[in-house]
N, C-alpha and C. Protein backbone atom coordinates (compact mmCIF):
# COMPACT_ATOMS: atom_id res chain seq x y z
N MET A 1 71.10 102.38 91.44
CA MET A 1 71.85 101.87 90.28
C MET A 1 73.00 101.00 90.89
N THR A 2 73.11 99.82 90.17
CA THR A 2 74.35 98.74 90.40
C THR A 2 74.97 98.62 89.35
N ILE A 3 76.31 98.44 89.48
CA ILE A 3 77.33 98.33 88.55
C ILE A 3 77.10 96.99 87.86
N SER A 4 76.91 96.84 86.79
CA SER A 4 76.81 95.58 86.12
C SER A 4 77.76 94.78 85.33
N ALA A 5 78.63 95.62 85.06
CA ALA A 5 79.72 95.21 83.85
C ALA A 5 81.09 95.01 84.70
N ILE A 6 80.86 94.42 85.99
CA ILE A 6 82.11 94.03 86.73
C ILE A 6 81.73 92.63 87.46
N ASN A 7 82.69 91.88 87.64
CA ASN A 7 82.46 90.58 88.02
C ASN A 7 82.78 90.45 89.55
N VAL A 8 81.82 91.09 90.06
CA VAL A 8 81.75 91.26 91.71
C VAL A 8 80.43 90.98 92.15
N ARG A 9 79.95 89.82 92.71
CA ARG A 9 78.63 89.93 93.07
C ARG A 9 78.39 90.60 94.18
N ASN A 10 78.98 90.88 95.46
CA ASN A 10 78.73 91.43 96.58
C ASN A 10 78.86 93.03 96.37
N GLN A 11 77.74 93.59 96.16
CA GLN A 11 77.72 95.00 95.98
C GLN A 11 76.91 95.80 96.91
N PHE A 12 77.47 96.53 97.67
CA PHE A 12 76.57 97.61 98.72
C PHE A 12 76.79 98.76 98.48
N ARG A 13 75.35 99.35 98.09
CA ARG A 13 75.32 100.92 97.96
C ARG A 13 75.19 101.40 98.98
N GLY A 14 75.83 102.78 99.29
CA GLY A 14 75.60 103.45 100.22
C GLY A 14 76.31 104.72 100.30
N LYS A 15 76.65 105.55 101.23
CA LYS A 15 77.36 106.59 101.40
C LYS A 15 78.46 106.77 102.18
N VAL A 16 79.39 107.59 101.81
CA VAL A 16 80.83 107.50 102.62
C VAL A 16 80.19 108.35 103.81
N LYS A 17 80.72 107.54 105.02
CA LYS A 17 80.48 107.93 106.32
C LYS A 17 81.82 108.84 106.77
N GLU A 18 82.89 108.25 106.65
CA GLU A 18 84.14 108.93 107.21
C GLU A 18 85.24 108.48 106.34
N ILE A 19 86.35 109.24 106.16
CA ILE A 19 87.39 109.02 105.40
C ILE A 19 88.53 109.40 106.58
N ILE A 20 89.36 108.32 106.83
CA ILE A 20 90.68 108.59 107.43
C ILE A 20 91.78 108.65 106.66
N GLU A 21 92.20 109.77 106.25
CA GLU A 21 93.27 109.86 105.06
C GLU A 21 94.74 109.78 105.78
N GLY A 22 95.51 109.11 105.06
CA GLY A 22 96.92 108.94 105.51
C GLY A 22 97.91 109.29 104.34
N PRO A 23 99.22 109.34 104.62
CA PRO A 23 100.04 109.79 103.48
C PRO A 23 99.94 108.93 102.22
N VAL A 24 99.70 107.52 102.40
CA VAL A 24 99.78 106.51 101.19
C VAL A 24 98.53 105.83 101.08
N VAL A 25 97.94 105.52 102.28
CA VAL A 25 96.63 104.92 102.17
C VAL A 25 95.64 105.47 103.12
N SER A 26 94.32 105.35 102.82
CA SER A 26 93.37 105.90 103.66
C SER A 26 91.98 104.98 103.86
N GLU A 27 91.56 105.04 105.16
CA GLU A 27 90.30 104.10 105.35
C GLU A 27 89.12 105.11 104.93
N VAL A 28 88.30 104.23 104.35
CA VAL A 28 86.98 104.87 103.73
C VAL A 28 85.83 103.79 104.38
N ASP A 29 85.05 104.51 105.22
CA ASP A 29 83.72 103.83 105.87
C ASP A 29 82.54 104.12 105.03
N VAL A 30 81.91 103.18 104.60
CA VAL A 30 80.62 103.30 103.69
C VAL A 30 79.52 102.81 104.64
N GLU A 31 78.52 103.74 104.71
CA GLU A 31 77.38 103.13 105.49
C GLU A 31 76.09 102.87 104.65
N THR A 32 75.42 101.62 104.61
CA THR A 32 74.58 101.34 103.81
C THR A 32 73.10 101.81 104.22
N ALA A 33 72.08 101.75 103.49
CA ALA A 33 70.69 102.05 103.93
C ALA A 33 70.31 101.21 105.37
N SER A 34 70.83 99.98 105.41
CA SER A 34 70.46 99.21 106.57
C SER A 34 71.38 99.39 107.71
N GLY A 35 72.29 100.38 107.49
CA GLY A 35 73.17 100.83 108.60
C GLY A 35 74.44 100.15 108.77
N LEU A 36 74.61 99.08 107.91
CA LEU A 36 75.79 98.30 107.79
C LEU A 36 76.98 99.37 107.54
N ILE A 37 78.30 99.29 108.23
CA ILE A 37 79.37 99.80 107.61
C ILE A 37 80.37 99.15 107.10
N VAL A 38 80.85 99.28 105.81
CA VAL A 38 81.78 98.49 105.22
C VAL A 38 82.96 99.33 105.07
N THR A 39 84.16 98.99 105.32
CA THR A 39 85.41 99.71 105.52
C THR A 39 86.24 99.26 104.34
N SER A 40 86.78 100.08 103.59
CA SER A 40 87.85 100.08 102.66
C SER A 40 89.07 100.58 102.99
N VAL A 41 90.33 99.93 102.82
CA VAL A 41 91.48 100.58 102.91
C VAL A 41 92.02 100.81 101.37
N ILE A 42 92.06 101.90 100.80
CA ILE A 42 92.58 102.14 99.44
C ILE A 42 93.83 103.33 99.49
N THR A 43 94.43 103.44 98.39
CA THR A 43 95.37 104.45 98.39
C THR A 43 94.85 105.82 98.26
N THR A 44 95.46 106.77 98.96
CA THR A 44 95.01 108.13 99.11
C THR A 44 94.97 108.81 97.74
N ARG A 45 95.75 108.52 96.89
CA ARG A 45 95.59 108.77 95.45
C ARG A 45 94.39 108.51 94.84
N SER A 46 93.71 107.15 95.25
CA SER A 46 92.33 106.71 94.69
C SER A 46 91.57 107.56 95.32
N VAL A 47 91.42 107.89 96.71
CA VAL A 47 90.67 108.63 97.13
C VAL A 47 90.36 110.26 96.56
N LYS A 48 91.41 110.54 96.16
CA LYS A 48 91.54 112.04 95.39
C LYS A 48 91.09 111.80 93.89
N GLU A 49 91.26 110.79 93.41
CA GLU A 49 91.01 110.69 91.88
C GLU A 49 89.53 110.30 91.76
N LEU A 50 88.89 109.62 92.86
CA LEU A 50 87.49 109.42 92.91
C LEU A 50 86.65 110.39 93.40
N ASP A 51 87.37 111.51 93.97
CA ASP A 51 86.70 112.62 94.41
C ASP A 51 85.78 112.01 95.73
N LEU A 52 86.36 111.09 96.33
CA LEU A 52 85.39 110.67 97.68
C LEU A 52 85.38 111.85 98.65
N ARG A 53 84.20 111.91 99.24
CA ARG A 53 84.03 112.79 100.41
C ARG A 53 82.80 112.40 101.18
N VAL A 54 82.86 112.72 102.32
CA VAL A 54 81.55 112.42 103.37
C VAL A 54 80.31 112.83 102.60
N GLY A 55 79.39 111.77 102.59
CA GLY A 55 77.97 112.08 101.91
C GLY A 55 77.95 111.56 100.53
N ARG A 56 79.09 111.31 99.77
CA ARG A 56 79.13 110.80 98.54
C ARG A 56 78.46 109.54 98.36
N GLU A 57 77.47 109.31 97.27
CA GLU A 57 77.01 108.03 97.08
C GLU A 57 77.86 107.05 96.46
N VAL A 58 78.16 105.87 96.81
CA VAL A 58 79.26 104.99 96.33
C VAL A 58 78.56 103.61 96.22
N VAL A 59 79.48 102.49 95.58
CA VAL A 59 79.02 101.27 95.89
C VAL A 59 80.35 100.58 96.32
N ALA A 60 80.25 99.91 97.42
CA ALA A 60 81.28 99.00 97.89
C ALA A 60 81.36 97.78 97.38
N LEU A 61 82.31 97.12 96.49
CA LEU A 61 82.30 95.96 95.83
C LEU A 61 83.22 95.33 96.61
N VAL A 62 82.91 94.01 97.23
CA VAL A 62 83.39 93.11 98.14
C VAL A 62 83.83 91.89 97.54
N LYS A 63 85.04 91.61 97.49
CA LYS A 63 85.67 90.33 97.13
C LYS A 63 86.39 89.47 98.37
N SER A 64 86.59 88.48 98.31
CA SER A 64 87.00 87.81 99.42
C SER A 64 88.23 88.15 99.84
N THR A 65 88.98 88.98 99.52
CA THR A 65 90.22 89.58 99.86
C THR A 65 90.54 91.09 100.04
N GLU A 66 89.32 91.74 99.38
CA GLU A 66 89.30 93.15 99.63
C GLU A 66 87.94 93.81 99.32
N VAL A 67 87.80 95.00 99.67
CA VAL A 67 86.69 95.95 99.44
C VAL A 67 87.06 96.99 98.60
N SER A 68 86.33 97.11 97.25
CA SER A 68 86.76 98.18 96.43
C SER A 68 85.58 99.33 96.58
N ILE A 69 85.86 100.35 96.13
CA ILE A 69 84.92 101.48 96.21
C ILE A 69 84.68 102.15 94.72
N ALA A 70 83.54 102.41 94.20
CA ALA A 70 83.09 102.58 92.83
C ALA A 70 82.25 104.00 92.95
N THR A 71 82.33 104.96 92.44
CA THR A 71 81.56 106.17 92.35
C THR A 71 80.32 105.97 91.44
N LEU A 72 79.25 106.76 91.50
CA LEU A 72 77.95 106.51 90.97
C LEU A 72 77.75 107.69 90.06
């Protein structure tokens, strides 16, 4: 499944490999099927609201200045 209702062309489907949680921001590593690791720095609040956890399937949405995470 690929998100089609968003204006981001670079989408990488994968699974959360690691989350390094900080008090305000967290690093989320997403591993694609090809082994590529995409890292996103998002708010810790977003990690909790998206219920992100290791092994969860997500889509990394890459824009020139950021990497966003969407749940499936």
